PDB file of N, CA and C in Angstrom:
ATOM      1  N   MET A   1       0.837  -1.168   0.000  1.00  0.00           N
ATOM      2  CA  MET A   1       0.000   0.000   0.000  1.00  0.00           C
ATOM      3  C   MET A   1       0.890   1.242   0.000  1.00  0.00           C
ATOM      4  N   ASP A   2       0.510   2.238  -0.764  1.00  0.00           N
ATOM      5  CA  ASP A   2       1.265   3.477  -0.841  1.00  0.00           C
ATOM      6  C   ASP A   2       0.733   4.481   0.172  1.00  0.00           C
ATOM      7  N   ARG A   3       1.661   5.162   0.834  1.00  0.00           N
ATOM      8  CA  ARG A   3       1.336   6.242   1.760  1.00  0.00           C
ATOM      9  C   ARG A   3       2.144   7.452   1.324  1.00  0.00           C
ATOM     10  N   PHE A   4       1.632   8.644   1.610  1.00  0.00           N
ATOM     11  CA  PHE A   4       2.366   9.839   1.211  1.00  0.00           C
ATOM     12  C   PHE A   4       2.151  10.976   2.198  1.00  0.00           C
ATOM     13  N   VAL A   5       3.072  11.936   2.146  1.00  0.00           N
ATOM     14  CA  VAL A   5       2.940  13.209   2.840  1.00  0.00           C
ATOM     15  C   VAL A   5       3.181  14.299   1.814  1.00  0.00           C
ATOM     16  N   VAL A   6       2.578  15.446   2.036  1.00  0.00           N
ATOM     17  CA  VAL A   6       2.755  16.577   1.131  1.00  0.00           C
ATOM     18  C   VAL A   6       3.843  17.484   1.688  1.00  0.00           C
ATOM     19  N   ILE A   7       4.850  17.749   0.876  1.00  0.00           N
ATOM     20  CA  ILE A   7       5.920  18.683   1.245  1.00  0.00           C
ATOM     21  C   ILE A   7       6.200  19.581   0.045  1.00  0.00           C
ATOM     22  N   GLU A   8       6.585  20.801   0.310  1.00  0.00           N
ATOM     23  CA  GLU A   8       6.819  21.761  -0.767  1.00  0.00           C
ATOM     24  C   GLU A   8       7.935  21.308  -1.702  1.00  0.00           C
ATOM     25  N   LYS A   9       9.046  20.874  -1.106  1.00  0.00           N
ATOM     26  CA  LYS A   9      10.181  20.401  -1.901  1.00  0.00           C
ATOM     27  C   LYS A   9      11.103  19.594  -1.005  1.00  0.00           C
ATOM     28  N   LEU A  10      11.930  18.800  -1.622  1.00  0.00           N
ATOM     29  CA  LEU A  10      12.940  18.060  -0.872  1.00  0.00           C
ATOM     30  C   LEU A  10      14.031  19.023  -0.435  1.00  0.00           C
ATOM     31  N   PRO A  11      14.666  18.773   0.720  1.00  0.00           N
ATOM     32  CA  PRO A  11      15.794  19.616   1.114  1.00  0.00           C
ATOM     33  C   PRO A  11      16.879  19.601   0.025  1.00  0.00           C
ATOM     34  N   ALA A  12      17.599  20.675  -0.087  1.00  0.00           N
ATOM     35  CA  ALA A  12      18.582  20.850  -1.161  1.00  0.00           C
ATOM     36  C   ALA A  12      19.594  19.700  -1.246  1.00  0.00           C
ATOM     37  N   ALA A  13      20.112  19.261  -0.127  1.00  0.00           N
ATOM     38  CA  ALA A  13      21.153  18.231  -0.147  1.00  0.00           C
ATOM     39  C   ALA A  13      20.601  16.808  -0.047  1.00  0.00           C
ATOM     40  N   PHE A  14      19.283  16.664   0.045  1.00  0.00           N
ATOM     41  CA  PHE A  14      18.689  15.343   0.237  1.00  0.00           C
ATOM     42  C   PHE A  14      18.564  14.604  -1.092  1.00  0.00           C
ATOM     43  N   VAL A  15      19.080  13.391  -1.104  1.00  0.00           N
ATOM     44  CA  VAL A  15      18.970  12.514  -2.271  1.00  0.00           C
ATOM     45  C   VAL A  15      18.452  11.171  -1.778  1.00  0.00           C
ATOM     46  N   ILE A  16      17.425  10.671  -2.417  1.00  0.00           N
ATOM     47  CA  ILE A  16      16.893   9.355  -2.051  1.00  0.00           C
ATOM     48  C   ILE A  16      17.958   8.313  -2.377  1.00  0.00           C
ATOM     49  N   PRO A  17      18.345   7.502  -1.394  1.00  0.00           N
ATOM     50  CA  PRO A  17      19.364   6.483  -1.635  1.00  0.00           C
ATOM     51  C   PRO A  17      18.962   5.545  -2.782  1.00  0.00           C
ATOM     52  N   ARG A  18      19.943   5.158  -3.544  1.00  0.00           N
ATOM     53  CA  ARG A  18      19.717   4.316  -4.727  1.00  0.00           C
ATOM     54  C   ARG A  18      18.953   3.048  -4.388  1.00  0.00           C
ATOM     55  N   ASP A  19      19.291   2.406  -3.266  1.00  0.00           N
ATOM     56  CA  ASP A  19      18.640   1.146  -2.911  1.00  0.00           C
ATOM     57  C   ASP A  19      17.219   1.334  -2.372  1.00  0.00           C
ATOM     58  N   MET A  20      16.770   2.589  -2.221  1.00  0.00           N
ATOM     59  CA  MET A  20      15.417   2.845  -1.736  1.00  0.00           C
ATOM     60  C   MET A  20      14.524   3.481  -2.793  1.00  0.00           C
ATOM     61  N   LYS A  21      15.040   3.689  -3.995  1.00  0.00           N
ATOM     62  CA  LYS A  21      14.274   4.356  -5.042  1.00  0.00           C
ATOM     63  C   LYS A  21      13.029   3.578  -5.471  1.00  0.00           C
ATOM     64  N   ASP A  22      13.015   2.279  -5.256  1.00  0.00           N
ATOM     65  CA  ASP A  22      11.824   1.496  -5.596  1.00  0.00           C
ATOM     66  C   ASP A  22      10.734   1.619  -4.526  1.00  0.00           C
ATOM     67  N   ARG A  23      11.094   2.113  -3.325  1.00  0.00           N
ATOM     68  CA  ARG A  23      10.124   2.234  -2.234  1.00  0.00           C
ATOM     69  C   ARG A  23       9.804   3.666  -1.843  1.00  0.00           C
ATOM     70  N   LEU A  24      10.656   4.606  -2.216  1.00  0.00           N
ATOM     71  CA  LEU A  24      10.457   5.996  -1.829  1.00  0.00           C
ATOM     72  C   LEU A  24      10.599   6.875  -3.064  1.00  0.00           C
ATOM     73  N   SER A  25       9.635   7.760  -3.257  1.00  0.00           N
ATOM     74  CA  SER A  25       9.699   8.644  -4.425  1.00  0.00           C
ATOM     75  C   SER A  25       9.094   9.999  -4.076  1.00  0.00           C
ATOM     76  N   TYR A  26       9.516  11.009  -4.840  1.00  0.00           N
ATOM     77  CA  TYR A  26       8.971  12.353  -4.674  1.00  0.00           C
ATOM     78  C   TYR A  26       8.507  12.860  -6.025  1.00  0.00           C
ATOM     79  N   ASP A  27       7.273  13.356  -6.057  1.00  0.00           N
ATOM     80  CA  ASP A  27       6.706  13.938  -7.268  1.00  0.00           C
ATOM     81  C   ASP A  27       6.567  15.444  -7.035  1.00  0.00           C
ATOM     82  N   ALA A  28       7.390  16.230  -7.713  1.00  0.00           N
ATOM     83  CA  ALA A  28       7.387  17.688  -7.532  1.00  0.00           C
ATOM     84  C   ALA A  28       6.072  18.316  -7.983  1.00  0.00           C
ATOM     85  N   ALA A  29       5.420  17.733  -8.975  1.00  0.00           N
ATOM     86  CA  ALA A  29       4.162  18.292  -9.478  1.00  0.00           C
ATOM     87  C   ALA A  29       3.050  18.216  -8.435  1.00  0.00           C
ATOM     88  N   THR A  30       2.958  17.096  -7.740  1.00  0.00           N
ATOM     89  CA  THR A  30       1.913  16.931  -6.716  1.00  0.00           C
ATOM     90  C   THR A  30       2.439  17.223  -5.312  1.00  0.00           C
ATOM     91  N   ARG A  31       3.750  17.420  -5.199  1.00  0.00           N
ATOM     92  CA  ARG A  31       4.438  17.678  -3.921  1.00  0.00           C
ATOM     93  C   ARG A  31       4.244  16.528  -2.930  1.00  0.00           C
ATOM     94  N   ARG A  32       4.262  15.306  -3.445  1.00  0.00           N
ATOM     95  CA  ARG A  32       4.058  14.125  -2.606  1.00  0.00           C
ATOM     96  C   ARG A  32       5.344  13.319  -2.462  1.00  0.00           C
ATOM     97  N   LEU A  33       5.690  13.066  -1.212  1.00  0.00           N
ATOM     98  CA  LEU A  33       6.746  12.111  -0.899  1.00  0.00           C
ATOM     99  C   LEU A  33       6.013  10.822  -0.564  1.00  0.00           C
ATOM    100  N   THR A  34       6.230   9.801  -1.375  1.00  0.00           N
ATOM    101  CA  THR A  34       5.455   8.568  -1.272  1.00  0.00           C
ATOM    102  C   THR A  34       6.329   7.404  -0.863  1.00  0.00           C
ATOM    103  N   CYS A  35       5.812   6.616   0.056  1.00  0.00           N
ATOM    104  CA  CYS A  35       6.458   5.368   0.455  1.00  0.00           C
ATOM    105  C   CYS A  35       5.604   4.235  -0.106  1.00  0.00           C
ATOM    106  N   HIS A  36       6.214   3.390  -0.901  1.00  0.00           N
ATOM    107  CA  HIS A  36       5.537   2.242  -1.504  1.00  0.00           C
ATOM    108  C   HIS A  36       5.784   1.046  -0.592  1.00  0.00           C
ATOM    109  N   GLY A  37       4.786   0.692   0.191  1.00  0.00           N
ATOM    110  CA  GLY A  37       4.920  -0.454   1.088  1.00  0.00           C
ATOM    111  C   GLY A  37       5.376  -0.047   2.479  1.00  0.00           C
ATOM    112  N   TYR A  38       6.236  -0.841   3.048  1.00  0.00           N
ATOM    113  CA  TYR A  38       6.656  -0.752   4.444  1.00  0.00           C
ATOM    114  C   TYR A  38       7.912   0.105   4.605  1.00  0.00           C
ATOM    115  N   MET A  39       7.932   0.942   5.651  1.00  0.00           N
ATOM    116  CA  MET A  39       9.150   1.662   6.026  1.00  0.00           C
ATOM    117  C   MET A  39       9.538   1.208   7.427  1.00  0.00           C
ATOM    118  N   SER A  40      10.716   0.653   7.556  1.00  0.00           N
ATOM    119  CA  SER A  40      11.184   0.196   8.863  1.00  0.00           C
ATOM    120  C   SER A  40      11.763   1.370   9.644  1.00  0.00           C
ATOM    121  N   LYS A  41      11.968   1.156  10.920  1.00  0.00           N
ATOM    122  CA  LYS A  41      12.589   2.178  11.773  1.00  0.00           C
ATOM    123  C   LYS A  41      14.016   2.428  11.298  1.00  0.00           C
ATOM    124  N   THR A  42      14.679   1.397  10.855  1.00  0.00           N
ATOM    125  CA  THR A  42      16.039   1.543  10.324  1.00  0.00           C
ATOM    126  C   THR A  42      16.029   2.430   9.088  1.00  0.00           C
ATOM    127  N   ASP A  43      15.059   2.224   8.195  1.00  0.00           N
ATOM    128  CA  ASP A  43      14.932   3.073   7.007  1.00  0.00           C
ATOM    129  C   ASP A  43      14.698   4.527   7.407  1.00  0.00           C
ATOM    130  N   PHE A  44      13.780   4.732   8.346  1.00  0.00           N
ATOM    131  CA  PHE A  44      13.485   6.086   8.808  1.00  0.00           C
ATOM    132  C   PHE A  44      14.730   6.748   9.391  1.00  0.00           C
ATOM    133  N   ASP A  45      15.429   6.044  10.258  1.00  0.00           N
ATOM    134  CA  ASP A  45      16.639   6.604  10.875  1.00  0.00           C
ATOM    135  C   ASP A  45      17.672   6.968   9.820  1.00  0.00           C
ATOM    136  N   ARG A  46      17.855   6.101   8.881  1.00  0.00           N
ATOM    137  CA  ARG A  46      18.831   6.335   7.811  1.00  0.00           C
ATOM    138  C   ARG A  46      18.452   7.567   6.985  1.00  0.00           C
ATOM    139  N   LEU A  47      17.191   7.673   6.604  1.00  0.00           N
ATOM    140  CA  LEU A  47      16.742   8.806   5.798  1.00  0.00           C
ATOM    141  C   LEU A  47      16.822  10.121   6.571  1.00  0.00           C
ATOM    142  N   SER A  48      16.455  10.085   7.830  1.00  0.00           N
ATOM    143  CA  SER A  48      16.459  11.325   8.608  1.00  0.00           C
ATOM    144  C   SER A  48      17.879  11.832   8.866  1.00  0.00           C
ATOM    145  N   GLN A  49      18.854  10.950   8.820  1.00  0.00           N
ATOM    146  CA  GLN A  49      20.241  11.369   9.010  1.00  0.00           C
ATOM    147  C   GLN A  49      20.834  12.045   7.772  1.00  0.00           C
ATOM    148  N   LEU A  50      20.133  11.980   6.655  1.00  0.00           N
ATOM    149  CA  LEU A  50      20.642  12.567   5.410  1.00  0.00           C
ATOM    150  C   LEU A  50      20.416  14.069   5.313  1.00  0.00           C
ATOM    151  N   THR A  51      19.675  14.639   6.256  1.00  0.00           N
ATOM    152  CA  THR A  51      19.397  16.073   6.233  1.00  0.00           C
ATOM    153  C   THR A  51      19.244  16.610   7.644  1.00  0.00           C
ATOM    154  N   LYS A  52      19.497  17.891   7.801  1.00  0.00           N
ATOM    155  CA  LYS A  52      19.280  18.552   9.086  1.00  0.00           C
ATOM    156  C   LYS A  52      18.030  19.424   9.045  1.00  0.00           C
ATOM    157  N   ASP A  53      17.263  19.327   7.985  1.00  0.00           N
ATOM    158  CA  ASP A  53      16.032  20.094   7.812  1.00  0.00           C
ATOM    159  C   ASP A  53      14.949  19.482   8.694  1.00  0.00           C
ATOM    160  N   TRP A  54      14.634  20.156   9.810  1.00  0.00           N
ATOM    161  CA  TRP A  54      13.705  19.601  10.793  1.00  0.00           C
ATOM    162  C   TRP A  54      12.278  19.546  10.283  1.00  0.00           C
ATOM    163  N   THR A  55      11.894  20.460   9.435  1.00  0.00           N
ATOM    164  CA  THR A  55      10.551  20.406   8.856  1.00  0.00           C
ATOM    165  C   THR A  55      10.391  19.146   8.022  1.00  0.00           C
ATOM    166  N   PHE A  56      11.400  18.849   7.219  1.00  0.00           N
ATOM    167  CA  PHE A  56      11.383  17.636   6.410  1.00  0.00           C
ATOM    168  C   PHE A  56      11.395  16.394   7.300  1.00  0.00           C
ATOM    169  N   ARG A  57      12.208  16.411   8.343  1.00  0.00           N
ATOM    170  CA  ARG A  57      12.272  15.261   9.251  1.00  0.00           C
ATOM    171  C   ARG A  57      10.920  14.970   9.896  1.00  0.00           C
ATOM    172  N   ARG A  58      10.189  16.031  10.260  1.00  0.00           N
ATOM    173  CA  ARG A  58       8.859  15.832  10.842  1.00  0.00           C
ATOM    174  C   ARG A  58       7.911  15.194   9.839  1.00  0.00           C
ATOM    175  N   LYS A  59       7.960  15.638   8.602  1.00  0.00           N
ATOM    176  CA  LYS A  59       7.118  15.047   7.554  1.00  0.00           C
ATOM    177  C   LYS A  59       7.528  13.593   7.304  1.00  0.00           C
ATOM    178  N   LEU A  60       8.822  13.341   7.316  1.00  0.00           N
ATOM    179  CA  LEU A  60       9.322  11.982   7.137  1.00  0.00           C
ATOM    180  C   LEU A  60       8.832  11.083   8.272  1.00  0.00           C
ATOM    181  N   GLU A  61       8.799  11.628   9.476  1.00  0.00           N
ATOM    182  CA  GLU A  61       8.290  10.851  10.609  1.00  0.00           C
ATOM    183  C   GLU A  61       6.795  10.554  10.434  1.00  0.00           C
ATOM    184  N   ASP A  62       6.045  11.522   9.939  1.00  0.00           N
ATOM    185  CA  ASP A  62       4.621  11.279   9.656  1.00  0.00           C
ATOM    186  C   ASP A  62       4.459  10.150   8.641  1.00  0.00           C
ATOM    187  N   LEU A  63       5.299  10.175   7.615  1.00  0.00           N
ATOM    188  CA  LEU A  63       5.261   9.133   6.595  1.00  0.00           C
ATOM    189  C   LEU A  63       5.634   7.781   7.197  1.00  0.00           C
ATOM    190  N   PHE A  64       6.657   7.764   8.027  1.00  0.00           N
ATOM    191  CA  PHE A  64       7.072   6.532   8.697  1.00  0.00           C
ATOM    192  C   PHE A  64       5.932   5.957   9.537  1.00  0.00           C
ATOM    193  N   ARG A  65       5.299   6.803  10.323  1.00  0.00           N
ATOM    194  CA  ARG A  65       4.208   6.332  11.186  1.00  0.00           C
ATOM    195  C   ARG A  65       3.051   5.748  10.392  1.00  0.00           C
ATOM    196  N   SER A  66       2.766   6.345   9.242  1.00  0.00           N
ATOM    197  CA  SER A  66       1.636   5.844   8.463  1.00  0.00           C
ATOM    198  C   SER A  66       1.992   4.602   7.650  1.00  0.00           C
ATOM    199  N   SER A  67       3.281   4.371   7.402  1.00  0.00           N
ATOM    200  CA  SER A  67       3.654   3.236   6.554  1.00  0.00           C
ATOM    201  C   SER A  67       4.305   2.089   7.315  1.00  0.00           C
ATOM    202  N   ALA A  68       4.494   2.239   8.610  1.00  0.00           N
ATOM    203  CA  ALA A  68       5.052   1.140   9.406  1.00  0.00           C
ATOM    204  C   ALA A  68       3.928   0.167   9.735  1.00  0.00           C
ATOM    205  N   TYR A  69       4.200  -1.104   9.650  1.00  0.00           N
ATOM    206  CA  TYR A  69       3.192  -2.103   9.973  1.00  0.00           C
ATOM    207  C   TYR A  69       2.894  -2.086  11.458  1.00  0.00           C
ATOM    208  N   ASN A  70       1.651  -2.301  11.774  1.00  0.00           N
ATOM    209  CA  ASN A  70       1.218  -2.406  13.153  1.00  0.00           C
ATOM    210  C   ASN A  70       0.725  -3.835  13.361  1.00  0.00           C
ATOM    211  N   ASP A  71       1.487  -4.590  14.124  1.00  0.00           N
ATOM    212  CA  ASP A  71       1.136  -5.995  14.354  1.00  0.00           C
ATOM    213  C   ASP A  71      -0.143  -6.155  15.161  1.00  0.00           C
ATOM    214  N   GLN A  72      -0.465  -5.172  15.961  1.00  0.00           N
ATOM    215  CA  GLN A  72      -1.592  -5.278  16.871  1.00  0.00           C
ATOM    216  C   GLN A  72      -2.683  -4.292  16.450  1.00  0.00           C
ATOM    217  N   PRO A  73      -3.679  -4.736  15.709  1.00  0.00           N
ATOM    218  CA  PRO A  73      -4.755  -3.821  15.343  1.00  0.00           C
ATOM    219  C   PRO A  73      -5.521  -3.354  16.575  1.00  0.00           C
ATOM    220  N   ASP A  74      -6.051  -2.165  16.507  1.00  0.00           N
ATOM    221  CA  ASP A  74      -6.827  -1.610  17.609  1.00  0.00           C
ATOM    222  C   ASP A  74      -8.205  -2.267  17.607  1.00  0.00           C
ATOM    223  N   LEU A  75      -8.444  -3.129  18.579  1.00  0.00           N
ATOM    224  CA  LEU A  75      -9.686  -3.890  18.639  1.00  0.00           C
ATOM    225  C   LEU A  75     -10.713  -3.269  19.577  1.00  0.00           C
ATOM    226  N   ARG A  76     -10.355  -2.140  20.186  1.00  0.00           N
ATOM    227  CA  ARG A  76     -11.294  -1.515  21.108  1.00  0.00           C
ATOM    228  C   ARG A  76     -12.517  -0.993  20.362  1.00  0.00           C
ATOM    229  N   PRO A  77     -13.689  -1.213  20.932  1.00  0.00           N
ATOM    230  CA  PRO A  77     -14.889  -0.687  20.282  1.00  0.00           C
ATOM    231  C   PRO A  77     -14.910   0.831  20.320  1.00  0.00           C
ATOM    232  N   ARG A  78     -15.468   1.431  19.287  1.00  0.00           N
ATOM    233  CA  ARG A  78     -15.538   2.883  19.173  1.00  0.00           C
ATOM    234  C   ARG A  78     -16.787   3.457  19.847  1.00  0.00           C
ATOM    235  N   GLY A  79     -17.751   2.657  20.071  1.00  0.00           N
ATOM    236  CA  GLY A  79     -18.987   3.131  20.684  1.00  0.00           C
ATOM    237  C   GLY A  79     -19.877   1.947  20.973  1.00  0.00           C
ATOM    238  N   GLY A  80     -21.072   2.199  21.397  1.00  0.00           N
ATOM    239  CA  GLY A  80     -21.997   1.115  21.665  1.00  0.00           C
ATOM    240  C   GLY A  80     -21.937   0.640  23.106  1.00  0.00           C
ATOM    241  N   ARG A  81     -22.592  -0.464  23.350  1.00  0.00           N
ATOM    242  CA  ARG A  81     -22.749  -0.980  24.710  1.00  0.00           C
ATOM    243  C   ARG A  81     -21.443  -1.392  25.374  1.00  0.00           C
ATOM    244  N   LEU A  82     -20.537  -1.965  24.608  1.00  0.00           N
ATOM    245  CA  LEU A  82     -19.304  -2.467  25.209  1.00  0.00           C
ATOM    246  C   LEU A  82     -18.230  -1.410  25.405  1.00  0.00           C
ATOM    247  N   ALA A  83     -18.391  -0.246  24.827  1.00  0.00           N
ATOM    248  CA  ALA A  83     -17.354   0.785  24.919  1.00  0.00           C
ATOM    249  C   ALA A  83     -17.089   1.188  26.366  1.00  0.00           C
ATOM    250  N   GLY A  84     -18.135   1.404  27.146  1.00  0.00           N
ATOM    251  CA  GLY A  84     -17.962   1.775  28.551  1.00  0.00           C
ATOM    252  C   GLY A  84     -17.274   0.685  29.339  1.00  0.00           C
ATOM    253  N   PHE A  85     -17.675  -0.555  29.122  1.00  0.00           N
ATOM    254  CA  PHE A  85     -17.037  -1.695  29.788  1.00  0.00           C
ATOM    255  C   PHE A  85     -15.557  -1.752  29.433  1.00  0.00           C
ATOM    256  N   TRP A  86     -15.272  -1.607  28.146  1.00  0.00           N
ATOM    257  CA  TRP A  86     -13.914  -1.709  27.653  1.00  0.00           C
ATOM    258  C   TRP A  86     -13.022  -0.655  28.328  1.00  0.00           C
ATOM    259  N   LYS A  87     -13.513   0.579  28.376  1.00  0.00           N
ATOM    260  CA  LYS A  87     -12.745   1.672  28.981  1.00  0.00           C
ATOM    261  C   LYS A  87     -12.497   1.426  30.463  1.00  0.00           C
ATOM    262  N   ARG A  88     -13.467   0.820  31.117  1.00  0.00           N
ATOM    263  CA  ARG A  88     -13.395   0.648  32.556  1.00  0.00           C
ATOM    264  C   ARG A  88     -12.505  -0.525  32.984  1.00  0.00           C
ATOM    265  N   PHE A  89     -12.545  -1.621  32.238  1.00  0.00           N
ATOM    266  CA  PHE A  89     -11.894  -2.838  32.680  1.00  0.00           C
ATOM    267  C   PHE A  89     -10.713  -3.310  31.859  1.00  0.00           C
ATOM    268  N   VAL A  90     -10.519  -2.738  30.704  1.00  0.00           N
ATOM    269  CA  VAL A  90      -9.419  -3.184  29.851  1.00  0.00           C
ATOM    270  C   VAL A  90      -8.402  -2.050  29.756  1.00  0.00           C
ATOM    271  N   PRO A  91      -7.156  -2.311  30.205  1.00  0.00           N
ATOM    272  CA  PRO A  91      -6.146  -1.247  30.139  1.00  0.00           C
ATOM    273  C   PRO A  91      -5.872  -0.858  28.683  1.00  0.00           C
ATOM    274  N   GLY A  92      -5.701   0.427  28.449  1.00  0.00           N
ATOM    275  CA  GLY A  92      -5.485   0.913  27.093  1.00  0.00           C
ATOM    276  C   GLY A  92      -4.084   1.157  26.833  1.00  0.00           C
TER     277      GLY A  92
END
């Protein structure tokens, strides 16, 4: 699944590593930095070290959070009869 964040432009010195070009791309026309599939914490750390632009790093973190797999889906009910019980007796 593809996830993206909108950024005005890539930082001047930032270059997508060659081995990540199949998973990470930037489209200047739509201003989208897109991650194709999964981004690991190692990938995020590596990419964030390539620039000191904190605005870009924050957007990269947003992209990481949306594209990292979550092994534990949120099973808590959103409303209804069991929601009160769940909040009261099941630690969140």
